[in-house]
Protein backbone atom coordinates (compact mmCIF):
# COMPACT_ATOMS: atom_id res chain seq x y z
CA UNK A 1 38.45 -8.60 43.40
CA UNK A 2 35.44 -6.01 44.79
CA UNK A 3 36.28 -1.87 45.60
CA UNK A 4 36.10 -3.00 49.59
CA UNK A 5 38.20 -5.46 49.66
CA UNK A 6 40.83 -2.40 48.13
CA UNK A 7 39.85 -0.04 50.53
CA UNK A 8 40.24 -2.46 53.31
CA UNK A 9 43.83 -3.04 52.07
CA UNK A 10 44.35 0.29 52.10
CA UNK A 11 42.84 0.85 55.60
CA UNK A 12 40.95 3.52 54.56
CA UNK A 13 36.70 4.05 53.85
CA UNK A 14 35.03 4.33 50.83
CA UNK A 15 33.70 7.89 49.70
CA UNK A 16 31.37 9.42 52.28
CA UNK A 17 28.12 7.45 51.66
CA UNK A 18 26.55 11.06 50.53
CA UNK A 19 24.24 11.33 47.18
CA UNK A 20 26.73 13.76 45.83
CA UNK A 21 29.38 10.40 46.71
CA UNK A 22 27.02 8.25 45.27
CA UNK A 23 26.78 9.68 42.18
CA UNK A 24 30.48 10.27 41.84
CA UNK A 25 30.72 6.42 42.49
CA UNK A 26 28.42 5.52 39.60
CA UNK A 27 29.80 7.98 36.88
CA UNK A 28 33.36 7.43 38.32
CA UNK A 29 33.25 3.57 37.64
CA UNK A 30 31.20 3.89 34.30
CA UNK A 31 34.25 6.46 33.13
CA UNK A 32 36.89 3.77 34.26
CA UNK A 33 35.16 0.92 33.06
CA UNK A 34 35.30 2.51 29.76
CA UNK A 35 31.74 2.82 28.93
CA UNK A 36 32.35 6.86 28.87
CA UNK A 37 35.18 6.93 26.68
CA UNK A 38 37.46 10.00 26.33
CA UNK A 39 36.06 12.78 24.71
CA UNK A 40 32.68 11.59 25.30
CA UNK A 41 30.27 14.24 26.90
CA UNK A 42 28.13 12.36 29.93
CA UNK A 43 24.30 13.48 30.41
CA UNK A 44 23.55 16.94 31.16
CA UNK A 45 22.53 17.82 34.76
CA UNK A 46 18.94 17.34 34.02
CA UNK A 47 19.50 14.12 32.77
CA UNK A 48 21.87 12.82 35.52
CA UNK A 49 19.37 14.14 38.45
CA UNK A 50 16.49 12.46 36.71
CA UNK A 51 18.39 9.06 36.25
CA UNK A 52 19.74 9.39 39.75
CA UNK A 53 16.71 10.45 41.73
CA UNK A 54 18.66 13.63 43.02
CA UNK A 55 18.88 17.72 43.02
CA UNK A 56 20.90 19.52 40.10
CA UNK A 57 22.97 20.64 43.18
CA UNK A 58 23.87 17.07 44.29
CA UNK A 59 24.87 16.46 40.39
CA UNK A 60 27.07 19.55 40.16
CA UNK A 61 28.96 18.74 43.69
CA UNK A 62 29.46 15.16 41.90
CA UNK A 63 30.86 16.83 38.69
CA UNK A 64 33.25 19.01 41.03
CA UNK A 65 34.53 16.03 42.86
CA UNK A 66 34.86 13.93 39.84
CA UNK A 67 36.61 17.12 38.39
CA UNK A 68 39.12 17.31 41.05
CA UNK A 69 39.97 13.71 40.15
CA UNK A 70 40.83 14.44 36.44
CA UNK A 71 38.35 12.25 35.11
CA UNK A 72 36.14 15.21 33.48
CA UNK A 73 35.96 18.99 32.42
CA UNK A 74 33.00 20.72 32.61
CA UNK A 75 32.53 23.88 30.66
CA UNK A 76 29.84 26.34 30.02
CA UNK A 77 27.50 26.00 27.07
CA UNK A 78 29.91 22.54 26.10
CA UNK A 79 29.15 20.29 28.55
CA UNK A 80 30.93 17.82 31.08
CA UNK A 81 33.44 16.00 28.64
CA UNK A 82 35.24 12.54 29.89
CA UNK A 83 39.02 13.37 30.00
CA UNK A 84 41.92 11.55 28.28
CA UNK A 85 43.53 8.84 30.88
CA UNK A 86 46.87 11.28 31.14
CA UNK A 87 44.27 13.67 32.85
CA UNK A 88 43.47 11.12 35.71
CA UNK A 89 45.10 11.46 39.34
CA UNK A 90 45.67 7.66 38.93
CA UNK A 91 47.12 7.60 42.51
CA UNK A 92 43.36 8.65 43.74
CA UNK A 93 42.46 5.84 45.89
CA UNK A 94 38.68 5.95 44.50
CA UNK A 95 40.22 5.78 40.88
CA UNK A 96 42.46 2.94 42.08
CA UNK A 97 39.32 1.04 43.30
CA UNK A 98 37.47 1.84 40.82
CA UNK A 99 39.67 -0.65 38.37
CA UNK A 100 38.90 -3.51 40.54
CA UNK A 101 35.44 -3.58 39.41
CA UNK A 102 35.97 -2.41 35.59
CA UNK A 103 36.63 -5.09 32.82
CA UNK A 104 40.33 -6.14 32.40
CA UNK A 105 42.62 -3.38 30.34
CA UNK A 106 45.56 -4.85 29.16
CA UNK A 107 46.86 -1.18 28.64
CA UNK A 108 46.23 -0.65 32.47
CA UNK A 109 47.76 -4.06 33.41
CA UNK A 110 50.87 -3.19 32.03
CA UNK A 111 51.37 0.25 33.03
CA UNK A 112 50.71 -0.85 36.45
CA UNK A 113 53.33 -3.54 35.71
CA UNK A 114 56.06 -0.88 34.87
CA UNK A 115 55.37 0.57 38.15
CA UNK A 116 55.64 -2.62 40.30
CA UNK A 117 58.72 -3.34 38.18
CA UNK A 118 60.36 0.23 38.76
CA UNK A 119 59.45 0.35 42.71
CA UNK A 120 59.83 -3.33 44.49
CA UNK A 121 62.91 -4.85 43.57
CA UNK A 122 64.48 -1.93 44.99
CA UNK A 123 62.29 -1.62 47.90
CA UNK A 124 63.07 -5.26 48.12
CA UNK A 125 66.77 -4.70 48.79
CA UNK A 126 66.21 -1.91 51.17
CA UNK A 127 64.30 -3.86 53.05
CA UNK A 128 67.16 -6.35 52.92
CA UNK A 129 69.36 -3.53 54.24
CA UNK A 130 66.95 -1.46 56.48
CA UNK A 131 64.53 -3.83 57.95
CA UNK A 132 63.96 -3.84 61.92
CA UNK A 133 63.45 -7.14 63.75
CA UNK A 134 59.81 -6.20 63.79
CA UNK A 135 59.66 -5.66 59.94
CA UNK A 136 61.28 -9.07 59.55
CA UNK A 137 58.67 -11.09 61.98
CA UNK A 138 56.10 -9.21 60.00
CA UNK A 139 57.23 -10.48 56.62
CA UNK A 140 57.66 -13.73 57.95
CA UNK A 141 53.93 -14.01 59.01
CA UNK A 142 52.94 -13.02 55.82
CA UNK A 143 54.48 -16.08 54.11
CA UNK A 144 53.21 -17.87 56.82
CA UNK A 145 49.76 -16.74 56.14
CA UNK A 146 50.06 -17.21 52.71
CA UNK A 147 51.24 -20.86 53.23
CA UNK A 148 48.06 -21.35 55.47
CA UNK A 149 45.61 -19.67 52.79
CA UNK A 150 46.63 -21.57 49.78
CA UNK A 151 43.21 -22.96 49.21
CA UNK A 152 41.42 -20.33 50.14
CA UNK A 153 42.04 -18.03 46.99
CA UNK A 154 40.37 -14.81 48.61
CA UNK A 155 42.56 -15.30 51.87
CA UNK A 156 45.62 -15.72 49.85
CA UNK A 157 45.08 -12.84 47.91
CA UNK A 158 44.68 -10.90 50.97
CA UNK A 159 47.88 -12.26 52.72
CA UNK A 160 49.81 -11.75 49.32
CA UNK A 161 48.86 -8.11 49.78
CA UNK A 162 50.34 -8.15 53.18
CA UNK A 163 53.32 -9.33 52.22
CA UNK A 164 53.80 -6.73 49.44
CA UNK A 165 52.84 -4.28 52.07
CA UNK A 166 55.34 -5.62 54.65
CA UNK A 167 58.37 -5.05 52.33
CA UNK A 168 57.35 -1.61 51.28
CA UNK A 169 57.23 -0.82 54.86
CA UNK A 170 60.35 -2.20 55.32
CA UNK A 171 61.89 -0.32 53.05
CA UNK A 172 62.13 2.41 55.25
CA UNK A 173 61.38 5.21 52.60
CA UNK A 174 57.96 7.02 53.38
CA UNK A 175 57.69 8.05 49.54
CA UNK A 176 58.23 4.23 48.90
CA UNK A 177 55.20 3.56 51.44
CA UNK A 178 53.41 5.97 50.12
CA UNK A 179 53.21 4.13 47.12
CA UNK A 180 51.01 1.25 48.57
CA UNK A 181 47.77 2.23 47.29
CA UNK A 182 48.86 1.65 43.79
CA UNK A 183 51.08 -1.07 43.99
CA UNK A 184 48.12 -3.25 45.67
CA UNK A 185 46.09 -1.85 42.68
CA UNK A 186 48.43 -3.55 40.83
CA UNK A 187 48.70 -6.88 42.39
CA UNK A 188 44.72 -7.34 42.77
CA UNK A 189 44.06 -6.22 38.69
CA UNK A 190 46.81 -9.16 37.35
CA UNK A 191 46.24 -11.25 40.37
CA UNK A 192 42.56 -11.81 39.56
CA UNK A 193 43.37 -13.07 36.30
CA UNK A 194 46.78 -15.00 37.33
CA UNK A 195 45.82 -16.73 40.73
CA UNK A 196 42.01 -18.00 40.47
CA UNK A 197 42.84 -21.24 41.30
CA UNK A 198 44.31 -22.90 44.66
CA UNK A 199 47.06 -24.57 42.28
CA UNK A 200 48.28 -21.26 40.94
CA UNK A 201 48.66 -20.18 44.54
CA UNK A 202 51.31 -23.34 45.31
CA UNK A 203 53.11 -22.12 42.08
CA UNK A 204 53.44 -18.32 43.15
CA UNK A 205 54.23 -19.29 46.76
CA UNK A 206 58.01 -19.82 46.55
CA UNK A 207 58.93 -16.72 44.86
CA UNK A 208 57.60 -14.82 47.67
CA UNK A 209 59.60 -17.18 49.90
CA UNK A 210 62.69 -16.43 48.04
CA UNK A 211 62.55 -12.79 48.56
CA UNK A 212 61.48 -13.15 51.82
CA UNK A 213 64.90 -15.69 52.88
CA UNK A 214 67.08 -13.20 51.29
CA UNK A 215 65.39 -9.87 53.69
CA UNK A 216 65.98 -12.37 56.38
CA UNK A 217 69.73 -13.04 55.34
CA UNK A 218 70.20 -9.34 55.17
CA UNK A 219 71.11 -9.65 51.62
CA UNK A 220 70.16 -6.47 49.65
CA UNK A 221 71.55 -8.21 45.94
CA UNK A 222 69.80 -11.69 46.57
CA UNK A 223 66.52 -9.81 47.87
CA UNK A 224 66.43 -7.56 44.93
CA UNK A 225 67.13 -10.03 42.17
CA UNK A 226 64.17 -12.50 43.92
CA UNK A 227 62.07 -9.65 43.63
CA UNK A 228 62.93 -9.16 39.66
CA UNK A 229 62.62 -13.02 39.30
CA UNK A 230 58.92 -12.66 41.22
CA UNK A 231 57.98 -9.85 38.97
CA UNK A 232 59.08 -11.72 35.87
CA UNK A 233 56.97 -15.05 36.80
CA UNK A 234 53.82 -12.29 37.17
CA UNK A 235 54.46 -10.84 33.59
CA UNK A 236 54.82 -14.55 32.19
CA UNK A 237 51.62 -15.74 33.64
CA UNK A 238 49.59 -12.47 33.35
CA UNK A 239 50.53 -12.95 29.55
CA UNK A 240 49.06 -16.35 29.47
CA UNK A 241 45.96 -15.03 31.10
CA UNK A 242 45.28 -12.15 28.71
CA UNK A 243 45.91 -14.57 25.81
CA UNK A 244 43.44 -16.57 27.40
CA UNK A 245 40.75 -14.18 27.34
CA UNK A 246 40.95 -13.14 23.47
């Protein structure tokens, strides 16, 4: 998956294409991709200015932005140090986007899956209880789009993400809806490993259909249970995919 695909899903543009924004993106991607590790000192202003062919002022602005995202800490006389993952602003759209082009990180994947397990089953239950007719139609359309796109991996993934978006929004809780970005990141990070062939799409579609049918029926218990089964299947397939990479 690409960063652009993620930004399109959340309906947001990538960072402003300024010089400082470009430097932020380059360094941020290297941090998220583990080219820089927690505790590492990144190059000094002069070296970064030379590498990226920008002024020191641009580099300083980039470091400020990265600091605001919790990725680095700049200290006079010491330099700019990469911070531990626990300090990162994990819900930041750019940080989430940079994960999409970074090598798969099993720790990050399982932590994101934990979040999905905590949120999505309840969201499905609330969607069954609270969805408007318009919400139900949006869920139905997302499932139908998944059926139409079974043989096109990229389009299927987009339809899959739209399905989860419609369920989250149908829960009618703005705090849940605000989790869309991180749910997309979790979905895309795992699905690029588990749904990399059309036959795998065919296997995953029925789990989505079961969730949708329970929501159509306004059966909260069934919707929550169906989403739990769906995520259990996703976890099982992710375990297999990660094992195949080792």
